[in-house]
Protein backbone atom coordinates (compact mmCIF):
# COMPACT_ATOMS: atom_id res chain seq x y z
CA MET A 1 5.85 -1.80 -50.89
CA ARG A 2 5.23 -4.15 -48.14
CA THR A 3 7.99 -6.44 -49.35
CA THR A 4 10.64 -3.67 -49.66
CA PRO A 5 13.26 -3.71 -46.89
CA ALA A 6 14.12 -0.14 -47.75
CA LEU A 7 10.77 1.02 -46.11
CA ALA A 8 11.87 -0.22 -42.59
CA ALA A 9 15.39 1.08 -42.98
CA ARG A 10 14.31 4.55 -43.98
CA ILE A 11 11.92 4.79 -41.05
CA ILE A 12 14.54 3.31 -38.73
CA GLY A 13 17.07 6.02 -40.03
CA TRP A 14 14.40 8.78 -39.66
CA PHE A 15 13.60 7.79 -36.13
CA ALA A 16 17.06 7.72 -35.11
CA GLU A 17 17.56 11.33 -36.19
CA SER A 18 13.95 12.88 -35.38
CA GLY A 19 12.42 10.50 -32.70
CA ARG A 20 11.34 12.41 -29.59
CA ALA A 21 13.40 11.97 -26.29
CA LEU A 22 10.66 10.38 -24.03
CA PRO A 23 11.35 8.93 -20.63
CA TRP A 24 10.48 5.40 -21.60
CA ARG A 25 12.86 5.49 -24.49
CA GLU A 26 15.80 6.21 -22.08
CA PRO A 27 18.45 3.24 -21.65
CA GLY A 28 17.66 1.12 -18.72
CA PHE A 29 14.11 2.42 -18.18
CA PRO A 30 12.60 -0.33 -16.09
CA ALA A 31 9.92 -2.79 -17.44
CA TRP A 32 7.41 -1.61 -14.66
CA GLY A 33 7.85 1.96 -16.02
CA THR A 34 7.12 0.76 -19.36
CA LEU A 35 3.94 -0.85 -18.24
CA VAL A 36 2.84 2.08 -16.26
CA SER A 37 3.41 4.43 -19.18
CA GLU A 38 1.46 2.19 -21.62
CA PHE A 39 -1.49 2.35 -19.26
CA MET A 40 -1.21 6.00 -18.94
CA LEU A 41 -0.76 6.56 -22.85
CA GLN A 42 -4.13 4.93 -23.63
CA GLN A 43 -6.12 7.98 -24.73
CA THR A 44 -4.21 10.40 -22.97
CA PRO A 45 -1.69 13.09 -24.72
CA VAL A 46 2.13 12.38 -24.12
CA THR A 47 2.55 15.94 -22.58
CA ARG A 48 0.04 15.02 -19.85
CA VAL A 49 1.50 11.61 -19.08
CA ILE A 50 5.02 12.58 -18.69
CA PRO A 51 4.93 14.43 -15.33
CA ARG A 52 2.23 11.97 -13.92
CA LEU A 53 4.52 9.07 -14.87
CA ALA A 54 7.60 10.57 -13.11
CA GLU A 55 5.40 11.10 -9.90
CA TRP A 56 4.14 7.59 -9.92
CA LEU A 57 7.58 6.02 -10.38
CA GLU A 58 9.00 8.02 -7.75
CA ARG A 59 6.01 7.10 -5.30
CA TRP A 60 5.79 3.48 -6.51
CA PRO A 61 9.00 2.31 -8.06
CA THR A 62 7.88 -1.31 -8.15
CA PRO A 63 4.77 -3.22 -8.67
CA ALA A 64 4.93 -4.36 -5.11
CA ASP A 65 5.10 -0.78 -3.92
CA LEU A 66 1.85 0.00 -5.51
CA ALA A 67 0.37 -3.36 -4.63
CA ALA A 68 0.93 -2.45 -0.86
CA VAL A 69 -1.54 0.54 -0.96
CA PRO A 70 -5.23 0.52 -1.28
CA ALA A 71 -6.54 0.91 -4.77
CA GLY A 72 -7.97 4.22 -4.01
CA GLU A 73 -4.67 5.61 -3.67
CA ALA A 74 -3.78 4.67 -7.34
CA VAL A 75 -7.06 6.42 -8.42
CA ARG A 76 -6.29 9.42 -6.37
CA ALA A 77 -2.78 9.73 -7.81
CA TRP A 78 -4.19 9.21 -11.39
CA ALA A 79 -5.52 12.80 -11.14
CA ASN A 80 -6.61 14.32 -14.44
CA LEU A 81 -5.38 11.58 -16.73
CA GLY A 82 -9.06 10.68 -17.53
CA TYR A 83 -10.52 7.25 -17.73
CA PRO A 84 -9.71 6.30 -14.04
CA ARG A 85 -10.58 2.64 -14.30
CA ARG A 86 -7.16 2.37 -15.80
CA ALA A 87 -5.82 3.23 -12.40
CA LEU A 88 -7.77 0.31 -10.83
CA TRP A 89 -6.64 -2.03 -13.49
CA LEU A 90 -3.06 -0.96 -13.03
CA HIS A 91 -3.34 -1.51 -9.41
CA SER A 92 -4.73 -4.99 -9.86
CA ALA A 93 -2.00 -5.76 -12.45
CA ALA A 94 0.45 -4.67 -9.71
CA VAL A 95 -0.98 -7.20 -7.30
CA GLU A 96 -1.03 -9.89 -9.70
CA ILE A 97 2.61 -9.28 -10.74
CA THR A 98 3.61 -9.36 -7.09
CA GLU A 99 1.63 -12.37 -6.21
CA ARG A 100 2.23 -14.54 -9.31
CA HIS A 101 5.47 -13.26 -10.92
CA GLY A 102 7.61 -12.48 -7.93
CA GLY A 103 7.37 -8.79 -8.25
CA LEU A 104 8.89 -8.72 -11.91
CA VAL A 105 6.94 -7.51 -14.92
CA PRO A 106 6.67 -10.86 -17.23
CA ASN A 107 8.33 -10.69 -20.49
CA ASP A 108 5.95 -13.13 -22.19
CA VAL A 109 3.02 -11.79 -24.36
CA ASP A 110 0.72 -14.52 -22.87
CA ALA A 111 1.68 -13.94 -19.26
CA LEU A 112 1.18 -10.20 -19.94
CA LEU A 113 -2.21 -10.71 -21.38
CA SER A 114 -3.36 -12.46 -18.25
CA LEU A 115 -2.79 -9.26 -16.22
CA SER A 116 -5.88 -6.90 -15.43
CA GLY A 117 -6.25 -4.22 -18.11
CA VAL A 118 -3.67 -5.59 -20.52
CA GLY A 119 -4.76 -6.11 -24.20
CA ASP A 120 -2.92 -7.12 -27.38
CA TYR A 121 -1.24 -3.79 -27.87
CA THR A 122 0.10 -3.35 -24.21
CA ALA A 123 1.29 -6.79 -23.93
CA ARG A 124 3.37 -6.59 -27.22
CA ALA A 125 4.45 -3.08 -26.45
CA VAL A 126 5.90 -4.15 -23.04
CA ALA A 127 7.54 -7.30 -24.60
CA VAL A 128 9.08 -5.44 -27.20
CA PHE A 129 10.10 -2.07 -25.80
CA ALA A 130 10.90 -3.28 -22.21
CA TYR A 131 12.44 -6.68 -23.09
CA GLY A 132 13.57 -6.34 -26.88
CA ALA A 133 11.25 -9.27 -28.16
CA ARG A 134 10.32 -9.32 -31.76
CA HIS A 135 6.56 -8.77 -32.21
CA PRO A 136 4.57 -6.36 -34.35
CA VAL A 137 3.21 -3.59 -32.14
CA VAL A 138 0.14 -1.74 -33.66
CA ASP A 139 -1.30 1.35 -32.30
CA THR A 140 -3.54 3.98 -33.88
CA ASN A 141 -0.61 5.77 -35.23
CA THR A 142 0.87 2.71 -36.80
CA ARG A 143 -2.61 1.70 -38.46
CA ARG A 144 -2.68 5.27 -40.04
CA VAL A 145 0.74 4.99 -41.79
CA LEU A 146 0.02 1.57 -42.81
CA ALA A 147 -3.38 2.55 -44.33
CA ARG A 148 -1.83 5.42 -46.29
CA ALA A 149 1.67 4.21 -47.29
CA VAL A 150 0.64 0.71 -47.94
CA ASP A 151 -3.01 0.60 -48.89
CA GLY A 152 -3.39 4.10 -50.31
CA ASP A 153 -6.40 5.00 -47.96
CA GLY A 154 -6.52 8.26 -46.20
CA GLU A 155 -7.66 6.66 -42.89
CA PRO A 156 -7.52 3.21 -41.46
CA GLY A 157 -10.60 1.05 -41.41
CA PRO A 158 -12.04 -0.47 -38.15
CA PRO A 159 -9.35 -2.06 -36.08
CA SER A 160 -8.84 -5.82 -36.57
CA SER A 161 -5.82 -7.39 -34.49
CA ARG A 162 -5.43 -10.31 -36.86
CA ARG A 163 -5.23 -7.97 -40.02
CA ASP A 164 -3.36 -5.25 -38.37
CA LEU A 165 -0.77 -7.52 -36.76
CA ALA A 166 -0.28 -9.42 -40.02
CA ALA A 167 0.18 -6.27 -42.08
CA LEU A 168 3.04 -4.97 -39.77
CA GLU A 169 4.63 -8.41 -39.43
CA VAL A 170 5.35 -8.38 -43.18
CA LEU A 171 7.35 -5.34 -42.92
CA LEU A 172 9.00 -6.03 -39.54
CA PRO A 173 12.85 -6.79 -39.76
CA GLU A 174 14.21 -9.97 -38.48
CA ASN A 175 16.95 -8.36 -36.63
CA LEU A 176 15.73 -7.72 -32.86
CA THR A 177 17.27 -4.33 -32.72
CA ASP A 178 15.89 -3.21 -36.05
CA ALA A 179 12.45 -4.53 -35.29
CA HIS A 180 12.37 -2.65 -31.90
CA ALA A 181 13.48 0.60 -33.84
CA PHE A 182 10.99 0.05 -36.51
CA ASN A 183 8.00 -0.55 -34.05
CA ALA A 184 8.92 2.56 -32.39
CA GLY A 185 9.65 4.59 -35.61
CA ILE A 186 6.48 3.80 -37.50
CA MET A 187 4.49 4.66 -34.35
CA GLU A 188 6.39 7.92 -34.10
CA LEU A 189 5.93 8.73 -37.78
CA GLY A 190 2.19 8.60 -37.37
CA ALA A 191 2.38 10.57 -34.20
CA ILE A 192 4.28 13.76 -35.28
CA VAL A 193 4.41 13.50 -39.26
CA CYS A 194 1.51 11.40 -40.80
CA THR A 195 -1.06 12.87 -38.41
CA ALA A 196 -4.75 12.34 -38.66
CA ARG A 197 -5.30 16.11 -39.69
CA ASN A 198 -2.64 18.04 -41.88
CA PRO A 199 -0.11 15.26 -42.28
CA ARG A 200 3.43 16.86 -42.98
CA CYS A 201 4.23 14.95 -46.18
CA ASP A 202 7.20 17.24 -46.78
CA ALA A 203 8.83 15.88 -43.62
CA CYS A 204 8.00 12.12 -44.25
CA PRO A 205 11.01 9.75 -45.04
CA ILE A 206 8.79 7.54 -47.15
CA ALA A 207 6.69 10.29 -49.01
CA ASP A 208 7.91 9.28 -52.35
CA ALA A 209 6.70 5.61 -51.93
CA CYS A 210 3.34 6.48 -49.99
CA ALA A 211 0.49 4.90 -52.03
CA TRP A 212 -1.87 7.49 -50.86
CA ARG A 213 0.26 10.29 -51.86
CA LEU A 214 1.10 8.81 -55.14
CA ALA A 215 -2.52 8.35 -55.96
CA GLY A 216 -3.35 12.02 -55.23
CA TYR A 217 -4.64 11.72 -51.84
CA PRO A 218 -8.03 10.23 -52.66
CA PRO A 219 -10.68 10.80 -50.08
CA PHE A 220 -11.42 7.98 -47.63
CA GLU A 221 -14.57 6.11 -48.60
CA GLY A 222 -14.59 3.40 -45.99
CA LYS A 223 -16.18 2.95 -42.60
CA ARG A 224 -15.43 5.60 -40.11
CA LYS A 225 -15.01 5.29 -36.37
CA PRO A 226 -18.09 7.07 -34.68
CA LEU A 227 -17.02 10.41 -33.39
CA GLN A 228 -16.85 10.66 -29.55
CA LYS A 229 -19.65 12.63 -27.93
CA LYS A 230 -18.82 16.13 -26.62
CA TYR A 231 -17.32 15.81 -23.10
CA GLU A 232 -18.82 19.14 -21.73
CA GLY A 233 -22.12 18.35 -20.08
CA SER A 234 -21.74 14.62 -20.81
CA ASP A 235 -21.99 11.76 -18.20
CA ARG A 236 -18.20 11.61 -18.35
CA HIS A 237 -18.04 15.22 -17.38
CA VAL A 238 -20.26 14.62 -14.46
CA ARG A 239 -18.37 11.56 -13.38
CA GLY A 240 -15.13 13.47 -13.51
CA LEU A 241 -16.61 16.13 -11.21
CA ILE A 242 -17.66 13.51 -8.62
CA MET A 243 -14.19 11.76 -8.94
CA ALA A 244 -12.28 15.12 -8.44
CA GLU A 245 -14.29 15.80 -5.33
CA LEU A 246 -13.51 12.23 -3.96
CA ARG A 247 -9.88 12.44 -4.79
CA ALA A 248 -9.51 15.83 -3.08
CA ALA A 249 -11.29 14.53 0.10
CA HIS A 250 -9.62 12.47 2.85
CA ILE A 251 -12.87 11.75 4.66
CA PRO A 252 -16.24 10.61 3.20
CA VAL A 253 -17.86 12.97 0.83
CA SER A 254 -21.61 13.44 1.83
CA SER A 255 -24.58 13.08 -0.45
CA VAL A 256 -25.20 16.83 0.02
CA GLU A 257 -21.82 17.67 -1.36
CA ILE A 258 -22.22 15.39 -4.24
CA ASP A 259 -25.67 16.99 -4.80
CA SER A 260 -23.97 20.27 -5.16
CA LEU A 261 -21.61 19.43 -7.91
CA TRP A 262 -24.27 19.11 -10.79
CA PRO A 263 -27.76 20.56 -10.94
CA ASP A 264 -29.34 17.73 -13.13
CA ALA A 265 -30.27 15.14 -10.55
CA PRO A 266 -31.00 12.23 -12.73
CA GLN A 267 -27.80 12.78 -14.56
CA ARG A 268 -26.00 13.04 -11.35
CA ASP A 269 -27.41 9.97 -9.85
CA ARG A 270 -26.60 8.08 -13.00
CA ALA A 271 -22.96 9.23 -12.95
CA LEU A 272 -22.65 8.21 -9.26
CA ALA A 273 -24.22 4.79 -9.77
CA GLY A 274 -21.75 4.25 -12.70
CA LEU A 275 -18.88 4.98 -10.38
CA LEU A 276 -20.12 2.59 -7.76
CA ALA A 277 -20.65 -0.04 -10.31
CA ASP A 278 -17.12 0.48 -11.58
CA GLY A 279 -15.49 0.15 -8.30
CA LEU A 280 -14.21 3.83 -8.60
CA ALA A 281 -16.47 4.95 -5.59
CA VAL A 282 -17.55 3.04 -2.39
CA LYS A 283 -20.63 3.95 -0.30
CA ARG A 284 -19.94 4.33 3.33
CA GLU A 285 -22.34 5.32 6.14
CA GLN A 286 -21.02 8.83 6.33
CA GLY A 287 -20.80 9.40 2.47
CA TYR A 288 -18.81 8.10 -0.52
CA VAL A 289 -14.95 7.38 -0.61
CA LEU A 290 -12.42 5.98 -3.07
CA PRO A 291 -12.03 2.23 -3.05
């Protein structure tokens, strides 16, 4: 199946008909917008990203615009997207783009990888989706489709950049336009059809060639990713409460105010210490502020 050109063609055709209309897929969408969207989409649903992305690009339409404000403003605008260190990294990347690349998002994977917070996936995604380069782009959804359709496994095993990129490279069309569409299409297929739970095989364009389906959907027997701990009551929850207070305030938040946010003092102190260590909060004489 990996050597069948028809696989890519069928996914490309399906994507042209069924792909969602998303802002970053619009013609002329800027490379900076693509980079911002990729930061926001890490571990955050599309529906929450779309309105926040629009606000960001209206406020900071270029990397230089974001670089010109304190990092704390990026953290404040990040709002409810979660994992706010991404906002700090994005601000640092904007400064680096402004200072090292003349304010233009680079199109080279190695140059992109040198930016703060940019890993293998994000670098290739920007190079492909913003600039039309030919690279395999592998996210969680892509890995799931490859595991099922090609390898006959119900779930992908632990991530491996070398293995995952090589697996997609075998299927990637040589034509630049087709390679772009296939990268986006296989990702979309995993996001809305070949989902982790309750895959919609009746709507899949490659169902009749899917190794997992043809084998009768055997249960996955490989190593699973550990389940994420419950958010409610976790240190992440307490960090989020403190961050929400800091974002809402334009003056230092006192220790007394922070103490009122969570009754478990050791957990609260641990969460605050983590925010200070991560650079998401700064201690001032009058209390705590965003960076």
